[in-house]
Amino acid sequence: MIVNPEWLKPKEKPYHHQISLGCIEEIAAYIEDNDIDDMDCDTCLIMQEILSDEIEDEEFLNFAIENLDELSSYIINGNLNIRIHRNITGEMWFGVG
């Protein structure tokens, strides 16, 4: 007799994460108040904190933190629709548009 109704449900990982407009606005405001070219440890920690409040999936969060420069450049260029994508092999990238 099966006593665990969850046994048939696969543990699928999400294939994308849409970064919310609120998170993008918060990062943009921080970038506006600070020189992003002189990013130091404090700047990184604050941006990591903003992202960790937004992104629950650990892999997506680590990707965003490891690629802060790329993410910041999308925000600086005015992109408001930013997603983190993951394919079936685990490769990740930012999608904008």
PDB file of N, CA and C in Angstrom:
ATOM      1  N   MET A   1       0.838  -1.178   0.000  1.00  0.00           N
ATOM      2  CA  MET A   1       0.000   0.000   0.000  1.00  0.00           C
ATOM      3  C   MET A   1       0.884   1.243   0.000  1.00  0.00           C
ATOM      4  N   ILE A   2       0.553   2.186  -0.863  1.00  0.00           N
ATOM      5  CA  ILE A   2       1.307   3.438  -0.960  1.00  0.00           C
ATOM      6  C   ILE A   2       0.735   4.422   0.054  1.00  0.00           C
ATOM      7  N   VAL A   3       1.622   4.905   0.928  1.00  0.00           N
ATOM      8  CA  VAL A   3       1.163   5.839   1.952  1.00  0.00           C
ATOM      9  C   VAL A   3       1.632   7.267   1.676  1.00  0.00           C
ATOM     10  N   ASN A   4       2.471   7.436   0.675  1.00  0.00           N
ATOM     11  CA  ASN A   4       2.976   8.769   0.337  1.00  0.00           C
ATOM     12  C   ASN A   4       2.380   9.206  -0.997  1.00  0.00           C
ATOM     13  N   PRO A   5       1.404  10.114  -0.999  1.00  0.00           N
ATOM     14  CA  PRO A   5       0.776  10.537  -2.259  1.00  0.00           C
ATOM     15  C   PRO A   5       1.714  11.358  -3.150  1.00  0.00           C
ATOM     16  N   GLU A   6       2.842  11.769  -2.627  1.00  0.00           N
ATOM     17  CA  GLU A   6       3.787  12.587  -3.390  1.00  0.00           C
ATOM     18  C   GLU A   6       4.748  11.743  -4.227  1.00  0.00           C
ATOM     19  N   TRP A   7       4.716  10.451  -4.130  1.00  0.00           N
ATOM     20  CA  TRP A   7       5.736   9.604  -4.756  1.00  0.00           C
ATOM     21  C   TRP A   7       5.739   9.692  -6.276  1.00  0.00           C
ATOM     22  N   LEU A   8       4.607   9.994  -6.884  1.00  0.00           N
ATOM     23  CA  LEU A   8       4.547  10.095  -8.341  1.00  0.00           C
ATOM     24  C   LEU A   8       4.913  11.478  -8.864  1.00  0.00           C
ATOM     25  N   LYS A   9       4.964  12.454  -8.010  1.00  0.00           N
ATOM     26  CA  LYS A   9       5.245  13.821  -8.454  1.00  0.00           C
ATOM     27  C   LYS A   9       6.742  14.017  -8.619  1.00  0.00           C
ATOM     28  N   PRO A  10       7.183  14.285  -9.843  1.00  0.00           N
ATOM     29  CA  PRO A  10       8.618  14.507 -10.046  1.00  0.00           C
ATOM     30  C   PRO A  10       9.037  15.834  -9.434  1.00  0.00           C
ATOM     31  N   LYS A  11      10.267  15.887  -8.994  1.00  0.00           N
ATOM     32  CA  LYS A  11      10.808  17.121  -8.428  1.00  0.00           C
ATOM     33  C   LYS A  11      11.452  17.904  -9.563  1.00  0.00           C
ATOM     34  N   GLU A  12      10.612  18.558 -10.355  1.00  0.00           N
ATOM     35  CA  GLU A  12      11.090  19.326 -11.495  1.00  0.00           C
ATOM     36  C   GLU A  12      11.571  20.690 -11.040  1.00  0.00           C
ATOM     37  N   LYS A  13      12.660  21.109 -11.655  1.00  0.00           N
ATOM     38  CA  LYS A  13      13.178  22.442 -11.382  1.00  0.00           C
ATOM     39  C   LYS A  13      12.510  23.413 -12.344  1.00  0.00           C
ATOM     40  N   PRO A  14      12.267  24.623 -11.884  1.00  0.00           N
ATOM     41  CA  PRO A  14      11.695  25.612 -12.804  1.00  0.00           C
ATOM     42  C   PRO A  14      12.691  25.942 -13.908  1.00  0.00           C
ATOM     43  N   TYR A  15      12.165  26.292 -15.077  1.00  0.00           N
ATOM     44  CA  TYR A  15      13.025  26.583 -16.219  1.00  0.00           C
ATOM     45  C   TYR A  15      13.316  28.075 -16.391  1.00  0.00           C
ATOM     46  N   HIS A  16      12.631  28.913 -15.637  1.00  0.00           N
ATOM     47  CA  HIS A  16      12.949  30.341 -15.692  1.00  0.00           C
ATOM     48  C   HIS A  16      12.465  31.036 -14.414  1.00  0.00           C
ATOM     49  N   HIS A  17      13.049  32.189 -14.186  1.00  0.00           N
ATOM     50  CA  HIS A  17      12.606  33.042 -13.078  1.00  0.00           C
ATOM     51  C   HIS A  17      12.493  34.456 -13.617  1.00  0.00           C
ATOM     52  N   GLN A  18      11.318  35.033 -13.511  1.00  0.00           N
ATOM     53  CA  GLN A  18      11.084  36.417 -13.915  1.00  0.00           C
ATOM     54  C   GLN A  18      11.476  37.323 -12.749  1.00  0.00           C
ATOM     55  N   ILE A  19      12.449  38.194 -12.977  1.00  0.00           N
ATOM     56  CA  ILE A  19      12.839  39.135 -11.925  1.00  0.00           C
ATOM     57  C   ILE A  19      11.780  40.233 -11.874  1.00  0.00           C
ATOM     58  N   SER A  20      11.233  40.455 -10.699  1.00  0.00           N
ATOM     59  CA  SER A  20      10.113  41.387 -10.561  1.00  0.00           C
ATOM     60  C   SER A  20      10.552  42.828 -10.824  1.00  0.00           C
ATOM     61  N   LEU A  21       9.580  43.613 -11.236  1.00  0.00           N
ATOM     62  CA  LEU A  21       9.831  45.027 -11.490  1.00  0.00           C
ATOM     63  C   LEU A  21      10.300  45.723 -10.218  1.00  0.00           C
ATOM     64  N   GLY A  22       9.741  45.332  -9.072  1.00  0.00           N
ATOM     65  CA  GLY A  22      10.151  45.920  -7.799  1.00  0.00           C
ATOM     66  C   GLY A  22      11.623  45.676  -7.508  1.00  0.00           C
ATOM     67  N   CYS A  23      12.081  44.459  -7.771  1.00  0.00           N
ATOM     68  CA  CYS A  23      13.495  44.119  -7.555  1.00  0.00           C
ATOM     69  C   CYS A  23      14.382  44.918  -8.505  1.00  0.00           C
ATOM     70  N   ILE A  24      13.977  44.992  -9.771  1.00  0.00           N
ATOM     71  CA  ILE A  24      14.757  45.747 -10.759  1.00  0.00           C
ATOM     72  C   ILE A  24      14.822  47.215 -10.364  1.00  0.00           C
ATOM     73  N   GLU A  25      13.701  47.777  -9.917  1.00  0.00           N
ATOM     74  CA  GLU A  25      13.681  49.179  -9.492  1.00  0.00           C
ATOM     75  C   GLU A  25      14.571  49.404  -8.282  1.00  0.00           C
ATOM     76  N   GLU A  26      14.581  48.444  -7.345  1.00  0.00           N
ATOM     77  CA  GLU A  26      15.422  48.571  -6.154  1.00  0.00           C
ATOM     78  C   GLU A  26      16.910  48.526  -6.527  1.00  0.00           C
ATOM     79  N   ILE A  27      17.278  47.623  -7.413  1.00  0.00           N
ATOM     80  CA  ILE A  27      18.670  47.554  -7.875  1.00  0.00           C
ATOM     81  C   ILE A  27      19.025  48.816  -8.655  1.00  0.00           C
ATOM     82  N   ALA A  28      18.114  49.284  -9.511  1.00  0.00           N
ATOM     83  CA  ALA A  28      18.368  50.496 -10.304  1.00  0.00           C
ATOM     84  C   ALA A  28      18.580  51.704  -9.400  1.00  0.00           C
ATOM     85  N   ALA A  29      17.780  51.825  -8.357  1.00  0.00           N
ATOM     86  CA  ALA A  29      17.935  52.943  -7.418  1.00  0.00           C
ATOM     87  C   ALA A  29      19.283  52.861  -6.718  1.00  0.00           C
ATOM     88  N   TYR A  30      19.701  51.650  -6.359  1.00  0.00           N
ATOM     89  CA  TYR A  30      20.992  51.491  -5.695  1.00  0.00           C
ATOM     90  C   TYR A  30      22.127  51.832  -6.655  1.00  0.00           C
ATOM     91  N   ILE A  31      22.023  51.374  -7.896  1.00  0.00           N
ATOM     92  CA  ILE A  31      23.048  51.673  -8.903  1.00  0.00           C
ATOM     93  C   ILE A  31      23.132  53.172  -9.145  1.00  0.00           C
ATOM     94  N   GLU A  32      21.969  53.830  -9.192  1.00  0.00           N
ATOM     95  CA  GLU A  32      21.908  55.268  -9.438  1.00  0.00           C
ATOM     96  C   GLU A  32      22.621  56.058  -8.341  1.00  0.00           C
ATOM     97  N   ASP A  33      22.508  55.568  -7.100  1.00  0.00           N
ATOM     98  CA  ASP A  33      23.115  56.258  -5.965  1.00  0.00           C
ATOM     99  C   ASP A  33      24.586  55.915  -5.767  1.00  0.00           C
ATOM    100  N   ASN A  34      25.082  54.904  -6.473  1.00  0.00           N
ATOM    101  CA  ASN A  34      26.464  54.451  -6.295  1.00  0.00           C
ATOM    102  C   ASN A  34      27.132  54.262  -7.654  1.00  0.00           C
ATOM    103  N   ASP A  35      28.447  54.406  -7.680  1.00  0.00           N
ATOM    104  CA  ASP A  35      29.195  54.211  -8.911  1.00  0.00           C
ATOM    105  C   ASP A  35      29.403  52.710  -9.118  1.00  0.00           C
ATOM    106  N   ILE A  36      28.682  52.161 -10.069  1.00  0.00           N
ATOM    107  CA  ILE A  36      28.717  50.717 -10.284  1.00  0.00           C
ATOM    108  C   ILE A  36      30.079  50.254 -10.795  1.00  0.00           C
ATOM    109  N   ASP A  37      30.845  51.165 -11.414  1.00  0.00           N
ATOM    110  CA  ASP A  37      32.183  50.806 -11.895  1.00  0.00           C
ATOM    111  C   ASP A  37      33.139  50.555 -10.738  1.00  0.00           C
ATOM    112  N   ASP A  38      32.841  51.130  -9.578  1.00  0.00           N
ATOM    113  CA  ASP A  38      33.683  50.944  -8.392  1.00  0.00           C
ATOM    114  C   ASP A  38      33.010  49.990  -7.408  1.00  0.00           C
ATOM    115  N   MET A  39      32.453  48.907  -7.929  1.00  0.00           N
ATOM    116  CA  MET A  39      31.737  47.958  -7.087  1.00  0.00           C
ATOM    117  C   MET A  39      32.708  47.321  -6.091  1.00  0.00           C
ATOM    118  N   ASP A  40      32.392  47.467  -4.808  1.00  0.00           N
ATOM    119  CA  ASP A  40      33.224  46.873  -3.768  1.00  0.00           C
ATOM    120  C   ASP A  40      32.421  45.798  -3.035  1.00  0.00           C
ATOM    121  N   CYS A  41      32.991  45.278  -1.989  1.00  0.00           N
ATOM    122  CA  CYS A  41      32.329  44.189  -1.241  1.00  0.00           C
ATOM    123  C   CYS A  41      30.990  44.626  -0.663  1.00  0.00           C
ATOM    124  N   ASP A  42      30.924  45.852  -0.142  1.00  0.00           N
ATOM    125  CA  ASP A  42      29.665  46.331   0.434  1.00  0.00           C
ATOM    126  C   ASP A  42      28.579  46.415  -0.633  1.00  0.00           C
ATOM    127  N   THR A  43      28.951  46.924  -1.817  1.00  0.00           N
ATOM    128  CA  THR A  43      27.999  47.016  -2.923  1.00  0.00           C
ATOM    129  C   THR A  43      27.492  45.633  -3.300  1.00  0.00           C
ATOM    130  N   CYS A  44      28.411  44.684  -3.424  1.00  0.00           N
ATOM    131  CA  CYS A  44      28.032  43.309  -3.780  1.00  0.00           C
ATOM    132  C   CYS A  44      27.098  42.710  -2.741  1.00  0.00           C
ATOM    133  N   LEU A  45      27.401  42.933  -1.469  1.00  0.00           N
ATOM    134  CA  LEU A  45      26.563  42.377  -0.404  1.00  0.00           C
ATOM    135  C   LEU A  45      25.149  42.950  -0.431  1.00  0.00           C
ATOM    136  N   ILE A  46      25.045  44.243  -0.682  1.00  0.00           N
ATOM    137  CA  ILE A  46      23.725  44.876  -0.723  1.00  0.00           C
ATOM    138  C   ILE A  46      22.928  44.346  -1.914  1.00  0.00           C
ATOM    139  N   MET A  47      23.580  44.224  -3.071  1.00  0.00           N
ATOM    140  CA  MET A  47      22.888  43.705  -4.248  1.00  0.00           C
ATOM    141  C   MET A  47      22.521  42.232  -4.053  1.00  0.00           C
ATOM    142  N   GLN A  48      23.372  41.474  -3.377  1.00  0.00           N
ATOM    143  CA  GLN A  48      23.063  40.075  -3.075  1.00  0.00           C
ATOM    144  C   GLN A  48      21.841  39.984  -2.163  1.00  0.00           C
ATOM    145  N   GLU A  49      21.764  40.894  -1.205  1.00  0.00           N
ATOM    146  CA  GLU A  49      20.626  40.909  -0.289  1.00  0.00           C
ATOM    147  C   GLU A  49      19.329  41.211  -1.041  1.00  0.00           C
ATOM    148  N   ILE A  50      19.380  42.182  -1.948  1.00  0.00           N
ATOM    149  CA  ILE A  50      18.208  42.522  -2.756  1.00  0.00           C
ATOM    150  C   ILE A  50      17.771  41.301  -3.565  1.00  0.00           C
ATOM    151  N   LEU A  51      18.740  40.633  -4.194  1.00  0.00           N
ATOM    152  CA  LEU A  51      18.422  39.466  -5.021  1.00  0.00           C
ATOM    153  C   LEU A  51      17.924  38.288  -4.185  1.00  0.00           C
ATOM    154  N   SER A  52      18.495  38.096  -2.996  1.00  0.00           N
ATOM    155  CA  SER A  52      18.068  36.962  -2.167  1.00  0.00           C
ATOM    156  C   SER A  52      16.648  37.149  -1.634  1.00  0.00           C
ATOM    157  N   ASP A  53      16.210  38.407  -1.501  1.00  0.00           N
ATOM    158  CA  ASP A  53      14.820  38.659  -1.123  1.00  0.00           C
ATOM    159  C   ASP A  53      13.874  38.313  -2.269  1.00  0.00           C
ATOM    160  N   GLU A  54      14.382  38.357  -3.491  1.00  0.00           N
ATOM    161  CA  GLU A  54      13.586  38.140  -4.702  1.00  0.00           C
ATOM    162  C   GLU A  54      13.579  36.682  -5.159  1.00  0.00           C
ATOM    163  N   ILE A  55      14.741  36.033  -5.165  1.00  0.00           N
ATOM    164  CA  ILE A  55      14.902  34.733  -5.813  1.00  0.00           C
ATOM    165  C   ILE A  55      15.016  33.619  -4.767  1.00  0.00           C
ATOM    166  N   GLU A  56      14.073  32.696  -4.780  1.00  0.00           N
ATOM    167  CA  GLU A  56      14.086  31.597  -3.809  1.00  0.00           C
ATOM    168  C   GLU A  56      14.931  30.414  -4.273  1.00  0.00           C
ATOM    169  N   ASP A  57      14.946  30.152  -5.574  1.00  0.00           N
ATOM    170  CA  ASP A  57      15.707  29.021  -6.111  1.00  0.00           C
ATOM    171  C   ASP A  57      17.207  29.306  -5.969  1.00  0.00           C
ATOM    172  N   GLU A  58      17.901  28.443  -5.264  1.00  0.00           N
ATOM    173  CA  GLU A  58      19.320  28.661  -4.959  1.00  0.00           C
ATOM    174  C   GLU A  58      20.193  28.738  -6.214  1.00  0.00           C
ATOM    175  N   GLU A  59      19.899  27.923  -7.205  1.00  0.00           N
ATOM    176  CA  GLU A  59      20.697  27.935  -8.434  1.00  0.00           C
ATOM    177  C   GLU A  59      20.505  29.237  -9.202  1.00  0.00           C
ATOM    178  N   PHE A  60      19.253  29.704  -9.301  1.00  0.00           N
ATOM    179  CA  PHE A  60      18.990  30.986  -9.957  1.00  0.00           C
ATOM    180  C   PHE A  60      19.674  32.124  -9.200  1.00  0.00           C
ATOM    181  N   LEU A  61      19.583  32.079  -7.875  1.00  0.00           N
ATOM    182  CA  LEU A  61      20.192  33.117  -7.056  1.00  0.00           C
ATOM    183  C   LEU A  61      21.707  33.145  -7.244  1.00  0.00           C
ATOM    184  N   ASN A  62      22.345  31.988  -7.186  1.00  0.00           N
ATOM    185  CA  ASN A  62      23.798  31.931  -7.376  1.00  0.00           C
ATOM    186  C   ASN A  62      24.199  32.438  -8.754  1.00  0.00           C
ATOM    187  N   PHE A  63      23.418  32.093  -9.776  1.00  0.00           N
ATOM    188  CA  PHE A  63      23.708  32.577 -11.123  1.00  0.00           C
ATOM    189  C   PHE A  63      23.628  34.105 -11.180  1.00  0.00           C
ATOM    190  N   ALA A  64      22.575  34.668 -10.595  1.00  0.00           N
ATOM    191  CA  ALA A  64      22.406  36.125 -10.610  1.00  0.00           C
ATOM    192  C   ALA A  64      23.550  36.816  -9.876  1.00  0.00           C
ATOM    193  N   ILE A  65      23.962  36.261  -8.737  1.00  0.00           N
ATOM    194  CA  ILE A  65      25.046  36.856  -7.954  1.00  0.00           C
ATOM    195  C   ILE A  65      26.372  36.753  -8.698  1.00  0.00           C
ATOM    196  N   GLU A  66      26.633  35.603  -9.308  1.00  0.00           N
ATOM    197  CA  GLU A  66      27.886  35.415 -10.041  1.00  0.00           C
ATOM    198  C   GLU A  66      27.957  36.280 -11.291  1.00  0.00           C
ATOM    199  N   ASN A  67      26.816  36.738 -11.772  1.00  0.00           N
ATOM    200  CA  ASN A  67      26.758  37.533 -13.003  1.00  0.00           C
ATOM    201  C   ASN A  67      26.166  38.918 -12.749  1.00  0.00           C
ATOM    202  N   LEU A  68      26.531  39.509 -11.603  1.00  0.00           N
ATOM    203  CA  LEU A  68      26.009  40.837 -11.248  1.00  0.00           C
ATOM    204  C   LEU A  68      26.339  41.897 -12.291  1.00  0.00           C
ATOM    205  N   ASP A  69      27.536  41.825 -12.876  1.00  0.00           N
ATOM    206  CA  ASP A  69      27.915  42.817 -13.885  1.00  0.00           C
ATOM    207  C   ASP A  69      26.973  42.776 -15.086  1.00  0.00           C
ATOM    208  N   GLU A  70      26.691  41.568 -15.554  1.00  0.00           N
ATOM    209  CA  GLU A  70      25.795  41.420 -16.704  1.00  0.00           C
ATOM    210  C   GLU A  70      24.382  41.880 -16.350  1.00  0.00           C
ATOM    211  N   LEU A  71      23.893  41.465 -15.188  1.00  0.00           N
ATOM    212  CA  LEU A  71      22.563  41.874 -14.746  1.00  0.00           C
ATOM    213  C   LEU A  71      22.482  43.392 -14.609  1.00  0.00           C
ATOM    214  N   SER A  72      23.509  43.989 -14.021  1.00  0.00           N
ATOM    215  CA  SER A  72      23.539  45.447 -13.845  1.00  0.00           C
ATOM    216  C   SER A  72      23.525  46.164 -15.189  1.00  0.00           C
ATOM    217  N   SER A  73      24.239  45.625 -16.174  1.00  0.00           N
ATOM    218  CA  SER A  73      24.274  46.279 -17.482  1.00  0.00           C
ATOM    219  C   SER A  73      22.895  46.269 -18.137  1.00  0.00           C
ATOM    220  N   TYR A  74      22.135  45.184 -17.966  1.00  0.00           N
ATOM    221  CA  TYR A  74      20.774  45.151 -18.505  1.00  0.00           C
ATOM    222  C   TYR A  74      19.906  46.208 -17.824  1.00  0.00           C
ATOM    223  N   ILE A  75      20.054  46.343 -16.515  1.00  0.00           N
ATOM    224  CA  ILE A  75      19.249  47.313 -15.765  1.00  0.00           C
ATOM    225  C   ILE A  75      19.639  48.732 -16.149  1.00  0.00           C
ATOM    226  N   ILE A  76      20.947  48.993 -16.255  1.00  0.00           N
ATOM    227  CA  ILE A  76      21.432  50.323 -16.636  1.00  0.00           C
ATOM    228  C   ILE A  76      20.904  50.718 -18.013  1.00  0.00           C
ATOM    229  N   ASN A  77      20.781  49.730 -18.910  1.00  0.00           N
ATOM    230  CA  ASN A  77      20.289  50.002 -20.266  1.00  0.00           C
ATOM    231  C   ASN A  77      18.767  50.112 -20.335  1.00  0.00           C
ATOM    232  N   GLY A  78      18.099  50.047 -19.179  1.00  0.00           N
ATOM    233  CA  GLY A  78      16.669  50.282 -19.125  1.00  0.00           C
ATOM    234  C   GLY A  78      15.792  49.066 -19.368  1.00  0.00           C
ATOM    235  N   ASN A  79      16.363  47.885 -19.333  1.00  0.00           N
ATOM    236  CA  ASN A  79      15.551  46.672 -19.516  1.00  0.00           C
ATOM    237  C   ASN A  79      14.762  46.382 -18.244  1.00  0.00           C
ATOM    238  N   LEU A  80      13.456  46.284 -18.383  1.00  0.00           N
ATOM    239  CA  LEU A  80      12.590  46.048 -17.236  1.00  0.00           C
ATOM    240  C   LEU A  80      12.011  44.646 -17.227  1.00  0.00           C
ATOM    241  N   ASN A  81      12.259  43.889 -18.272  1.00  0.00           N
ATOM    242  CA  ASN A  81      11.734  42.532 -18.381  1.00  0.00           C
ATOM    243  C   ASN A  81      12.924  41.582 -18.463  1.00  0.00           C
ATOM    244  N   ILE A  82      13.414  41.160 -17.315  1.00  0.00           N
ATOM    245  CA  ILE A  82      14.614  40.322 -17.247  1.00  0.00           C
ATOM    246  C   ILE A  82      14.233  38.985 -16.612  1.00  0.00           C
ATOM    247  N   ARG A  83      14.622  37.914 -17.283  1.00  0.00           N
ATOM    248  CA  ARG A  83      14.383  36.571 -16.774  1.00  0.00           C
ATOM    249  C   ARG A  83      15.699  35.816 -16.705  1.00  0.00           C
ATOM    250  N   ILE A  84      15.763  34.856 -15.803  1.00  0.00           N
ATOM    251  CA  ILE A  84      16.876  33.917 -15.764  1.00  0.00           C
ATOM    252  C   ILE A  84      16.321  32.610 -16.315  1.00  0.00           C
ATOM    253  N   HIS A  85      16.971  32.078 -17.338  1.00  0.00           N
ATOM    254  CA  HIS A  85      16.531  30.835 -17.976  1.00  0.00           C
ATOM    255  C   HIS A  85      17.476  29.704 -17.618  1.00  0.00           C
ATOM    256  N   ARG A  86      16.915  28.483 -17.599  1.00  0.00           N
ATOM    257  CA  ARG A  86      17.719  27.280 -17.397  1.00  0.00           C
ATOM    258  C   ARG A  86      17.186  26.222 -18.364  1.00  0.00           C
ATOM    259  N   ASN A  87      18.105  25.611 -19.151  1.00  0.00           N
ATOM    260  CA  ASN A  87      17.664  24.547 -20.036  1.00  0.00           C
ATOM    261  C   ASN A  87      17.768  23.199 -19.325  1.00  0.00           C
ATOM    262  N   ILE A  88      17.430  22.131 -20.010  1.00  0.00           N
ATOM    263  CA  ILE A  88      17.388  20.812 -19.366  1.00  0.00           C
ATOM    264  C   ILE A  88      18.766  20.308 -18.953  1.00  0.00           C
ATOM    265  N   THR A  89      19.828  20.879 -19.525  1.00  0.00           N
ATOM    266  CA  THR A  89      21.186  20.470 -19.132  1.00  0.00           C
ATOM    267  C   THR A  89      21.705  21.285 -17.955  1.00  0.00           C
ATOM    268  N   GLY A  90      20.953  22.306 -17.525  1.00  0.00           N
ATOM    269  CA  GLY A  90      21.362  23.132 -16.390  1.00  0.00           C
ATOM    270  C   GLY A  90      22.048  24.420 -16.786  1.00  0.00           C
ATOM    271  N   GLU A  91      22.271  24.633 -18.099  1.00  0.00           N
ATOM    272  CA  GLU A  91      22.894  25.875 -18.557  1.00  0.00           C
ATOM    273  C   GLU A  91      21.942  27.029 -18.283  1.00  0.00           C
ATOM    274  N   MET A  92      22.506  28.166 -17.817  1.00  0.00           N
ATOM    275  CA  MET A  92      21.669  29.306 -17.454  1.00  0.00           C
ATOM    276  C   MET A  92      22.117  30.562 -18.192  1.00  0.00           C
ATOM    277  N   TRP A  93      21.166  31.479 -18.417  1.00  0.00           N
ATOM    278  CA  TRP A  93      21.447  32.742 -19.057  1.00  0.00           C
ATOM    279  C   TRP A  93      20.317  33.731 -18.736  1.00  0.00           C
ATOM    280  N   PHE A  94      20.623  35.021 -18.951  1.00  0.00           N
ATOM    281  CA  PHE A  94      19.611  36.061 -18.784  1.00  0.00           C
ATOM    282  C   PHE A  94      18.860  36.203 -20.107  1.00  0.00           C
ATOM    283  N   GLY A  95      17.564  36.364 -20.012  1.00  0.00           N
ATOM    284  CA  GLY A  95      16.743  36.680 -21.167  1.00  0.00           C
ATOM    285  C   GLY A  95      16.150  38.050 -20.953  1.00  0.00           C
ATOM    286  N   VAL A  96      16.210  38.871 -21.981  1.00  0.00           N
ATOM    287  CA  VAL A  96      15.717  40.242 -21.871  1.00  0.00           C
ATOM    288  C   VAL A  96      14.737  40.498 -23.013  1.00  0.00           C
ATOM    289  N   GLY A  97      13.657  41.167 -22.678  1.00  0.00           N
ATOM    290  CA  GLY A  97      12.751  41.512 -23.764  1.00  0.00           C
ATOM    291  C   GLY A  97      11.316  41.465 -23.384  1.00  0.00           C
TER     292      GLY A  97
END
